[in-house]
Amino acid sequence: MSRAPRHKVDRHVSPNWKPVESLRRRGTGLAWSDRVWYWLVSLGGLAMIGAGVAVIGYFRLAKLGGWLIGIGFVVFILSSPSQAARNGYRSS
């Protein structure tokens, strides 16, 4: 009886391989410290937007205030975690 052909990437994997036990026990989702980090970075982006509005309102420096608002908006948008991070993937 012949075996089914194996994909060339799977040739070096033992047929009785099992995932590491700690992978099963690891919880899904973001760790508490990661959640705090993303919240702080998001709040920093919102603070930059607020500072830009204040610069425009009080100092009448539209160019500088516009830059602060733009950079704060980009920081706020890009500070959210990726879908892989939300699912619990960690590189370590």
PDB file of N, CA and C in Angstrom:
ATOM      1  N   MET A   1       0.830  -1.173   0.000  1.00  0.00           N
ATOM      2  CA  MET A   1       0.000   0.000   0.000  1.00  0.00           C
ATOM      3  C   MET A   1       0.882   1.245   0.000  1.00  0.00           C
ATOM      4  N   SER A   2       0.664   2.134  -0.899  1.00  0.00           N
ATOM      5  CA  SER A   2       1.490   3.332  -0.958  1.00  0.00           C
ATOM      6  C   SER A   2       0.839   4.475  -0.173  1.00  0.00           C
ATOM      7  N   ARG A   3       1.691   5.309   0.371  1.00  0.00           N
ATOM      8  CA  ARG A   3       1.207   6.474   1.107  1.00  0.00           C
ATOM      9  C   ARG A   3       0.831   7.580   0.131  1.00  0.00           C
ATOM     10  N   ALA A   4       0.017   8.491   0.634  1.00  0.00           N
ATOM     11  CA  ALA A   4      -0.321   9.662  -0.171  1.00  0.00           C
ATOM     12  C   ALA A   4       0.921  10.543  -0.291  1.00  0.00           C
ATOM     13  N   PRO A   5       1.136  11.150  -1.449  1.00  0.00           N
ATOM     14  CA  PRO A   5       2.327  11.992  -1.608  1.00  0.00           C
ATOM     15  C   PRO A   5       2.282  13.188  -0.658  1.00  0.00           C
ATOM     16  N   ARG A   6       3.440  13.489  -0.071  1.00  0.00           N
ATOM     17  CA  ARG A   6       3.532  14.607   0.856  1.00  0.00           C
ATOM     18  C   ARG A   6       4.020  15.839   0.124  1.00  0.00           C
ATOM     19  N   HIS A   7       3.534  16.958   0.567  1.00  0.00           N
ATOM     20  CA  HIS A   7       3.973  18.229  -0.011  1.00  0.00           C
ATOM     21  C   HIS A   7       5.453  18.426   0.296  1.00  0.00           C
ATOM     22  N   LYS A   8       6.182  19.079  -0.588  1.00  0.00           N
ATOM     23  CA  LYS A   8       7.627  19.189  -0.411  1.00  0.00           C
ATOM     24  C   LYS A   8       8.000  19.989   0.833  1.00  0.00           C
ATOM     25  N   VAL A   9       7.137  20.874   1.304  1.00  0.00           N
ATOM     26  CA  VAL A   9       7.432  21.622   2.518  1.00  0.00           C
ATOM     27  C   VAL A   9       7.293  20.726   3.740  1.00  0.00           C
ATOM     28  N   ASP A  10       6.439  19.709   3.663  1.00  0.00           N
ATOM     29  CA  ASP A  10       6.171  18.842   4.801  1.00  0.00           C
ATOM     30  C   ASP A  10       7.090  17.620   4.882  1.00  0.00           C
ATOM     31  N   ARG A  11       8.063  17.509   4.026  1.00  0.00           N
ATOM     32  CA  ARG A  11       8.900  16.308   4.000  1.00  0.00           C
ATOM     33  C   ARG A  11       9.732  16.133   5.273  1.00  0.00           C
ATOM     34  N   HIS A  12      10.115  17.246   5.895  1.00  0.00           N
ATOM     35  CA  HIS A  12      11.003  17.170   7.049  1.00  0.00           C
ATOM     36  C   HIS A  12      10.235  17.210   8.372  1.00  0.00           C
ATOM     37  N   VAL A  13       8.934  17.103   8.323  1.00  0.00           N
ATOM     38  CA  VAL A  13       8.118  17.110   9.538  1.00  0.00           C
ATOM     39  C   VAL A  13       7.746  15.676   9.876  1.00  0.00           C
ATOM     40  N   SER A  14       7.940  15.338  11.135  1.00  0.00           N
ATOM     41  CA  SER A  14       7.625  13.987  11.576  1.00  0.00           C
ATOM     42  C   SER A  14       6.121  13.737  11.463  1.00  0.00           C
ATOM     43  N   PRO A  15       5.709  12.538  11.055  1.00  0.00           N
ATOM     44  CA  PRO A  15       4.273  12.266  10.933  1.00  0.00           C
ATOM     45  C   PRO A  15       3.549  12.249  12.280  1.00  0.00           C
ATOM     46  N   ASN A  16       4.265  12.075  13.388  1.00  0.00           N
ATOM     47  CA  ASN A  16       3.614  12.082  14.696  1.00  0.00           C
ATOM     48  C   ASN A  16       3.867  13.391  15.460  1.00  0.00           C
ATOM     49  N   TRP A  17       4.116  14.472  14.747  1.00  0.00           N
ATOM     50  CA  TRP A  17       4.382  15.774  15.364  1.00  0.00           C
ATOM     51  C   TRP A  17       3.128  16.307  16.045  1.00  0.00           C
ATOM     52  N   LYS A  18       3.320  16.896  17.229  1.00  0.00           N
ATOM     53  CA  LYS A  18       2.222  17.538  17.963  1.00  0.00           C
ATOM     54  C   LYS A  18       2.633  18.961  18.299  1.00  0.00           C
ATOM     55  N   PRO A  19       1.681  19.878  18.348  1.00  0.00           N
ATOM     56  CA  PRO A  19       2.036  21.248  18.726  1.00  0.00           C
ATOM     57  C   PRO A  19       2.551  21.310  20.164  1.00  0.00           C
ATOM     58  N   VAL A  20       3.301  22.335  20.449  1.00  0.00           N
ATOM     59  CA  VAL A  20       3.847  22.533  21.785  1.00  0.00           C
ATOM     60  C   VAL A  20       2.697  22.781  22.757  1.00  0.00           C
ATOM     61  N   GLU A  21       2.796  22.210  23.949  1.00  0.00           N
ATOM     62  CA  GLU A  21       1.704  22.299  24.931  1.00  0.00           C
ATOM     63  C   GLU A  21       1.401  23.739  25.332  1.00  0.00           C
ATOM     64  N   SER A  22       2.424  24.589  25.424  1.00  0.00           N
ATOM     65  CA  SER A  22       2.183  25.967  25.858  1.00  0.00           C
ATOM     66  C   SER A  22       1.361  26.751  24.837  1.00  0.00           C
ATOM     67  N   LEU A  23       1.384  26.328  23.580  1.00  0.00           N
ATOM     68  CA  LEU A  23       0.556  27.010  22.588  1.00  0.00           C
ATOM     69  C   LEU A  23      -0.923  26.783  22.849  1.00  0.00           C
ATOM     70  N   ARG A  24      -1.261  25.620  23.363  1.00  0.00           N
ATOM     71  CA  ARG A  24      -2.665  25.342  23.674  1.00  0.00           C
ATOM     72  C   ARG A  24      -3.133  26.130  24.886  1.00  0.00           C
ATOM     73  N   ARG A  25      -2.240  26.300  25.854  1.00  0.00           N
ATOM     74  CA  ARG A  25      -2.617  26.985  27.090  1.00  0.00           C
ATOM     75  C   ARG A  25      -2.651  28.496  26.943  1.00  0.00           C
ATOM     76  N   ARG A  26      -1.945  29.026  25.959  1.00  0.00           N
ATOM     77  CA  ARG A  26      -1.852  30.476  25.812  1.00  0.00           C
ATOM     78  C   ARG A  26      -3.211  31.049  25.444  1.00  0.00           C
ATOM     79  N   GLY A  27      -3.608  32.084  26.146  1.00  0.00           N
ATOM     80  CA  GLY A  27      -4.897  32.700  25.897  1.00  0.00           C
ATOM     81  C   GLY A  27      -4.906  33.502  24.611  1.00  0.00           C
ATOM     82  N   THR A  28      -6.095  33.704  24.105  1.00  0.00           N
ATOM     83  CA  THR A  28      -6.224  34.513  22.901  1.00  0.00           C
ATOM     84  C   THR A  28      -6.439  35.965  23.306  1.00  0.00           C
ATOM     85  N   GLY A  29      -6.250  36.844  22.380  1.00  0.00           N
ATOM     86  CA  GLY A  29      -6.458  38.257  22.640  1.00  0.00           C
ATOM     87  C   GLY A  29      -5.188  38.948  23.106  1.00  0.00           C
ATOM     88  N   LEU A  30      -5.326  40.236  23.331  1.00  0.00           N
ATOM     89  CA  LEU A  30      -4.185  41.047  23.734  1.00  0.00           C
ATOM     90  C   LEU A  30      -3.891  40.875  25.213  1.00  0.00           C
ATOM     91  N   ALA A  31      -2.619  40.937  25.536  1.00  0.00           N
ATOM     92  CA  ALA A  31      -2.221  40.937  26.942  1.00  0.00           C
ATOM     93  C   ALA A  31      -2.585  42.295  27.545  1.00  0.00           C
ATOM     94  N   TRP A  32      -2.663  42.337  28.868  1.00  0.00           N
ATOM     95  CA  TRP A  32      -3.054  43.567  29.541  1.00  0.00           C
ATOM     96  C   TRP A  32      -2.085  44.702  29.235  1.00  0.00           C
ATOM     97  N   SER A  33      -0.782  44.414  29.242  1.00  0.00           N
ATOM     98  CA  SER A  33       0.211  45.453  28.969  1.00  0.00           C
ATOM     99  C   SER A  33       0.105  45.965  27.532  1.00  0.00           C
ATOM    100  N   ASP A  34      -0.231  45.077  26.602  1.00  0.00           N
ATOM    101  CA  ASP A  34      -0.419  45.521  25.216  1.00  0.00           C
ATOM    102  C   ASP A  34      -1.630  46.428  25.095  1.00  0.00           C
ATOM    103  N   ARG A  35      -2.690  46.087  25.799  1.00  0.00           N
ATOM    104  CA  ARG A  35      -3.882  46.952  25.776  1.00  0.00           C
ATOM    105  C   ARG A  35      -3.560  48.339  26.310  1.00  0.00           C
ATOM    106  N   VAL A  36      -2.819  48.405  27.417  1.00  0.00           N
ATOM    107  CA  VAL A  36      -2.434  49.702  27.987  1.00  0.00           C
ATOM    108  C   VAL A  36      -1.576  50.477  26.999  1.00  0.00           C
ATOM    109  N   TRP A  37      -0.633  49.801  26.350  1.00  0.00           N
ATOM    110  CA  TRP A  37       0.240  50.473  25.383  1.00  0.00           C
ATOM    111  C   TRP A  37      -0.573  51.088  24.244  1.00  0.00           C
ATOM    112  N   TYR A  38      -1.486  50.322  23.654  1.00  0.00           N
ATOM    113  CA  TYR A  38      -2.276  50.841  22.545  1.00  0.00           C
ATOM    114  C   TYR A  38      -3.186  51.979  22.998  1.00  0.00           C
ATOM    115  N   TRP A  39      -3.729  51.895  24.206  1.00  0.00           N
ATOM    116  CA  TRP A  39      -4.549  52.990  24.716  1.00  0.00           C
ATOM    117  C   TRP A  39      -3.711  54.251  24.905  1.00  0.00           C
ATOM    118  N   LEU A  40      -2.515  54.120  25.449  1.00  0.00           N
ATOM    119  CA  LEU A  40      -1.671  55.298  25.671  1.00  0.00           C
ATOM    120  C   LEU A  40      -1.254  55.948  24.353  1.00  0.00           C
ATOM    121  N   VAL A  41      -0.916  55.128  23.377  1.00  0.00           N
ATOM    122  CA  VAL A  41      -0.534  55.696  22.082  1.00  0.00           C
ATOM    123  C   VAL A  41      -1.731  56.376  21.436  1.00  0.00           C
ATOM    124  N   SER A  42      -2.920  55.785  21.526  1.00  0.00           N
ATOM    125  CA  SER A  42      -4.121  56.401  20.981  1.00  0.00           C
ATOM    126  C   SER A  42      -4.425  57.719  21.688  1.00  0.00           C
ATOM    127  N   LEU A  43      -4.290  57.728  22.998  1.00  0.00           N
ATOM    128  CA  LEU A  43      -4.512  58.973  23.739  1.00  0.00           C
ATOM    129  C   LEU A  43      -3.471  60.024  23.382  1.00  0.00           C
ATOM    130  N   GLY A  44      -2.247  59.597  23.109  1.00  0.00           N
ATOM    131  CA  GLY A  44      -1.225  60.541  22.650  1.00  0.00           C
ATOM    132  C   GLY A  44      -1.599  61.176  21.325  1.00  0.00           C
ATOM    133  N   GLY A  45      -2.152  60.389  20.411  1.00  0.00           N
ATOM    134  CA  GLY A  45      -2.622  60.941  19.142  1.00  0.00           C
ATOM    135  C   GLY A  45      -3.751  61.936  19.340  1.00  0.00           C
ATOM    136  N   LEU A  46      -4.686  61.607  20.237  1.00  0.00           N
ATOM    137  CA  LEU A  46      -5.779  62.543  20.523  1.00  0.00           C
ATOM    138  C   LEU A  46      -5.264  63.814  21.190  1.00  0.00           C
ATOM    139  N   ALA A  47      -4.255  63.676  22.049  1.00  0.00           N
ATOM    140  CA  ALA A  47      -3.658  64.856  22.678  1.00  0.00           C
ATOM    141  C   ALA A  47      -2.984  65.740  21.639  1.00  0.00           C
ATOM    142  N   MET A  48      -2.352  65.141  20.637  1.00  0.00           N
ATOM    143  CA  MET A  48      -1.732  65.937  19.571  1.00  0.00           C
ATOM    144  C   MET A  48      -2.789  66.678  18.766  1.00  0.00           C
ATOM    145  N   ILE A  49      -3.922  66.035  18.527  1.00  0.00           N
ATOM    146  CA  ILE A  49      -5.011  66.712  17.815  1.00  0.00           C
ATOM    147  C   ILE A  49      -5.505  67.882  18.647  1.00  0.00           C
ATOM    148  N   GLY A  50      -5.686  67.665  19.940  1.00  0.00           N
ATOM    149  CA  GLY A  50      -6.113  68.753  20.822  1.00  0.00           C
ATOM    150  C   GLY A  50      -5.107  69.880  20.876  1.00  0.00           C
ATOM    151  N   ALA A  51      -3.822  69.539  20.897  1.00  0.00           N
ATOM    152  CA  ALA A  51      -2.783  70.575  20.896  1.00  0.00           C
ATOM    153  C   ALA A  51      -2.804  71.356  19.587  1.00  0.00           C
ATOM    154  N   GLY A  52      -3.043  70.674  18.488  1.00  0.00           N
ATOM    155  CA  GLY A  52      -3.140  71.382  17.206  1.00  0.00           C
ATOM    156  C   GLY A  52      -4.309  72.342  17.166  1.00  0.00           C
ATOM    157  N   VAL A  53      -5.449  71.930  17.705  1.00  0.00           N
ATOM    158  CA  VAL A  53      -6.618  72.819  17.764  1.00  0.00           C
ATOM    159  C   VAL A  53      -6.319  74.008  18.661  1.00  0.00           C
ATOM    160  N   ALA A  54      -5.626  73.765  19.793  1.00  0.00           N
ATOM    161  CA  ALA A  54      -5.271  74.859  20.697  1.00  0.00           C
ATOM    162  C   ALA A  54      -4.296  75.831  20.037  1.00  0.00           C
ATOM    163  N   VAL A  55      -3.334  75.318  19.286  1.00  0.00           N
ATOM    164  CA  VAL A  55      -2.368  76.193  18.601  1.00  0.00           C
ATOM    165  C   VAL A  55      -3.087  77.064  17.585  1.00  0.00           C
ATOM    166  N   ILE A  56      -4.020  76.501  16.863  1.00  0.00           N
ATOM    167  CA  ILE A  56      -4.768  77.291  15.884  1.00  0.00           C
ATOM    168  C   ILE A  56      -5.651  78.309  16.602  1.00  0.00           C
ATOM    169  N   GLY A  57      -6.310  77.878  17.680  1.00  0.00           N
ATOM    170  CA  GLY A  57      -7.249  78.766  18.373  1.00  0.00           C
ATOM    171  C   GLY A  57      -6.585  79.894  19.135  1.00  0.00           C
ATOM    172  N   TYR A  58      -5.519  79.612  19.840  1.00  0.00           N
ATOM    173  CA  TYR A  58      -4.910  80.614  20.709  1.00  0.00           C
ATOM    174  C   TYR A  58      -3.771  81.395  20.060  1.00  0.00           C
ATOM    175  N   PHE A  59      -2.983  80.739  19.254  1.00  0.00           N
ATOM    176  CA  PHE A  59      -1.799  81.394  18.702  1.00  0.00           C
ATOM    177  C   PHE A  59      -1.962  81.798  17.250  1.00  0.00           C
ATOM    178  N   ARG A  60      -3.049  81.386  16.636  1.00  0.00           N
ATOM    179  CA  ARG A  60      -3.337  81.713  15.232  1.00  0.00           C
ATOM    180  C   ARG A  60      -2.215  81.255  14.300  1.00  0.00           C
ATOM    181  N   LEU A  61      -1.660  80.099  14.588  1.00  0.00           N
ATOM    182  CA  LEU A  61      -0.626  79.512  13.736  1.00  0.00           C
ATOM    183  C   LEU A  61      -1.237  78.315  13.011  1.00  0.00           C
ATOM    184  N   ALA A  62      -1.890  78.602  11.904  1.00  0.00           N
ATOM    185  CA  ALA A  62      -2.655  77.572  11.202  1.00  0.00           C
ATOM    186  C   ALA A  62      -1.753  76.478  10.623  1.00  0.00           C
ATOM    187  N   LYS A  63      -0.596  76.847  10.127  1.00  0.00           N
ATOM    188  CA  LYS A  63       0.269  75.845   9.508  1.00  0.00           C
ATOM    189  C   LYS A  63       0.779  74.842  10.555  1.00  0.00           C
ATOM    190  N   LEU A  64       1.275  75.345  11.676  1.00  0.00           N
ATOM    191  CA  LEU A  64       1.770  74.467  12.731  1.00  0.00           C
ATOM    192  C   LEU A  64       0.626  73.647  13.339  1.00  0.00           C
ATOM    193  N   GLY A  65      -0.492  74.284  13.578  1.00  0.00           N
ATOM    194  CA  GLY A  65      -1.639  73.575  14.137  1.00  0.00           C
ATOM    195  C   GLY A  65      -2.160  72.508  13.190  1.00  0.00           C
ATOM    196  N   GLY A  66      -2.162  72.810  11.909  1.00  0.00           N
ATOM    197  CA  GLY A  66      -2.587  71.820  10.916  1.00  0.00           C
ATOM    198  C   GLY A  66      -1.682  70.615  10.890  1.00  0.00           C
ATOM    199  N   TRP A  67      -0.370  70.857  11.005  1.00  0.00           N
ATOM    200  CA  TRP A  67       0.575  69.747  11.059  1.00  0.00           C
ATOM    201  C   TRP A  67       0.350  68.893  12.302  1.00  0.00           C
ATOM    202  N   LEU A  68       0.132  69.545  13.441  1.00  0.00           N
ATOM    203  CA  LEU A  68      -0.114  68.781  14.668  1.00  0.00           C
ATOM    204  C   LEU A  68      -1.390  67.959  14.565  1.00  0.00           C
ATOM    205  N   ILE A  69      -2.432  68.537  14.001  1.00  0.00           N
ATOM    206  CA  ILE A  69      -3.684  67.797  13.837  1.00  0.00           C
ATOM    207  C   ILE A  69      -3.487  66.614  12.898  1.00  0.00           C
ATOM    208  N   GLY A  70      -2.794  66.840  11.790  1.00  0.00           N
ATOM    209  CA  GLY A  70      -2.559  65.763  10.822  1.00  0.00           C
ATOM    210  C   GLY A  70      -1.730  64.631  11.399  1.00  0.00           C
ATOM    211  N   ILE A  71      -0.654  64.975  12.075  1.00  0.00           N
ATOM    212  CA  ILE A  71       0.204  63.940  12.664  1.00  0.00           C
ATOM    213  C   ILE A  71      -0.536  63.218  13.787  1.00  0.00           C
ATOM    214  N   GLY A  72      -1.290  63.950  14.594  1.00  0.00           N
ATOM    215  CA  GLY A  72      -2.064  63.321  15.657  1.00  0.00           C
ATOM    216  C   GLY A  72      -3.108  62.368  15.106  1.00  0.00           C
ATOM    217  N   PHE A  73      -3.746  62.749  14.004  1.00  0.00           N
ATOM    218  CA  PHE A  73      -4.743  61.885  13.383  1.00  0.00           C
ATOM    219  C   PHE A  73      -4.103  60.607  12.854  1.00  0.00           C
ATOM    220  N   VAL A  74      -2.946  60.739  12.220  1.00  0.00           N
ATOM    221  CA  VAL A  74      -2.243  59.552  11.700  1.00  0.00           C
ATOM    222  C   VAL A  74      -1.812  58.639  12.846  1.00  0.00           C
ATOM    223  N   VAL A  75      -1.286  59.222  13.920  1.00  0.00           N
ATOM    224  CA  VAL A  75      -0.885  58.414  15.080  1.00  0.00           C
ATOM    225  C   VAL A  75      -2.092  57.689  15.661  1.00  0.00           C
ATOM    226  N   PHE A  76      -3.222  58.386  15.773  1.00  0.00           N
ATOM    227  CA  PHE A  76      -4.422  57.775  16.327  1.00  0.00           C
ATOM    228  C   PHE A  76      -4.907  56.620  15.459  1.00  0.00           C
ATOM    229  N   ILE A  77      -4.916  56.812  14.144  1.00  0.00           N
ATOM    230  CA  ILE A  77      -5.400  55.762  13.238  1.00  0.00           C
ATOM    231  C   ILE A  77      -4.444  54.565  13.227  1.00  0.00           C
ATOM    232  N   LEU A  78      -3.146  54.820  13.184  1.00  0.00           N
ATOM    233  CA  LEU A  78      -2.182  53.717  13.083  1.00  0.00           C
ATOM    234  C   LEU A  78      -1.863  53.056  14.418  1.00  0.00           C
ATOM    235  N   SER A  79      -2.370  53.576  15.525  1.00  0.00           N
ATOM    236  CA  SER A  79      -2.023  53.011  16.823  1.00  0.00           C
ATOM    237  C   SER A  79      -2.887  51.819  17.206  1.00  0.00           C
ATOM    238  N   SER A  80      -3.880  51.504  16.413  1.00  0.00           N
ATOM    239  CA  SER A  80      -4.714  50.355  16.760  1.00  0.00           C
ATOM    240  C   SER A  80      -3.956  49.059  16.448  1.00  0.00           C
ATOM    241  N   PRO A  81      -4.190  48.015  17.227  1.00  0.00           N
ATOM    242  CA  PRO A  81      -3.472  46.764  17.001  1.00  0.00           C
ATOM    243  C   PRO A  81      -3.944  46.068  15.725  1.00  0.00           C
ATOM    244  N   SER A  82      -3.077  45.284  15.149  1.00  0.00           N
ATOM    245  CA  SER A  82      -3.442  44.527  13.961  1.00  0.00           C
ATOM    246  C   SER A  82      -4.399  43.402  14.336  1.00  0.00           C
ATOM    247  N   GLN A  83      -5.004  42.800  13.345  1.00  0.00           N
ATOM    248  CA  GLN A  83      -5.923  41.695  13.608  1.00  0.00           C
ATOM    249  C   GLN A  83      -5.179  40.509  14.203  1.00  0.00           C
ATOM    250  N   ALA A  84      -3.936  40.296  13.785  1.00  0.00           N
ATOM    251  CA  ALA A  84      -3.149  39.200  14.358  1.00  0.00           C
ATOM    252  C   ALA A  84      -2.888  39.442  15.843  1.00  0.00           C
ATOM    253  N   ALA A  85      -2.585  40.683  16.218  1.00  0.00           N
ATOM    254  CA  ALA A  85      -2.367  40.993  17.630  1.00  0.00           C
ATOM    255  C   ALA A  85      -3.653  40.836  18.421  1.00  0.00           C
ATOM    256  N   ARG A  86      -4.771  41.219  17.832  1.00  0.00           N
ATOM    257  CA  ARG A  86      -6.057  41.046  18.526  1.00  0.00           C
ATOM    258  C   ARG A  86      -6.381  39.574  18.741  1.00  0.00           C
ATOM    259  N   ASN A  87      -5.936  38.726  17.826  1.00  0.00           N
ATOM    260  CA  ASN A  87      -6.190  37.290  17.944  1.00  0.00           C
ATOM    261  C   ASN A  87      -5.228  36.592  18.904  1.00  0.00           C
ATOM    262  N   GLY A  88      -4.234  37.309  19.390  1.00  0.00           N
ATOM    263  CA  GLY A  88      -3.326  36.740  20.372  1.00  0.00           C
ATOM    264  C   GLY A  88      -1.979  36.323  19.844  1.00  0.00           C
ATOM    265  N   TYR A  89      -1.656  36.629  18.587  1.00  0.00           N
ATOM    266  CA  TYR A  89      -0.351  36.256  18.065  1.00  0.00           C
ATOM    267  C   TYR A  89       0.720  37.108  18.718  1.00  0.00           C
ATOM    268  N   ARG A  90       1.778  36.471  19.186  1.00  0.00           N
ATOM    269  CA  ARG A  90       2.923  37.176  19.751  1.00  0.00           C
ATOM    270  C   ARG A  90       4.180  36.630  19.094  1.00  0.00           C
ATOM    271  N   SER A  91       5.120  37.481  18.819  1.00  0.00           N
ATOM    272  CA  SER A  91       6.321  37.025  18.129  1.00  0.00           C
ATOM    273  C   SER A  91       7.257  36.265  19.063  1.00  0.00           C
ATOM    274  N   SER A  92       7.084  36.394  20.358  1.00  0.00           N
ATOM    275  CA  SER A  92       7.978  35.672  21.265  1.00  0.00           C
ATOM    276  C   SER A  92       7.274  34.522  21.932  1.00  0.00           C
TER     277      SER A  92
END
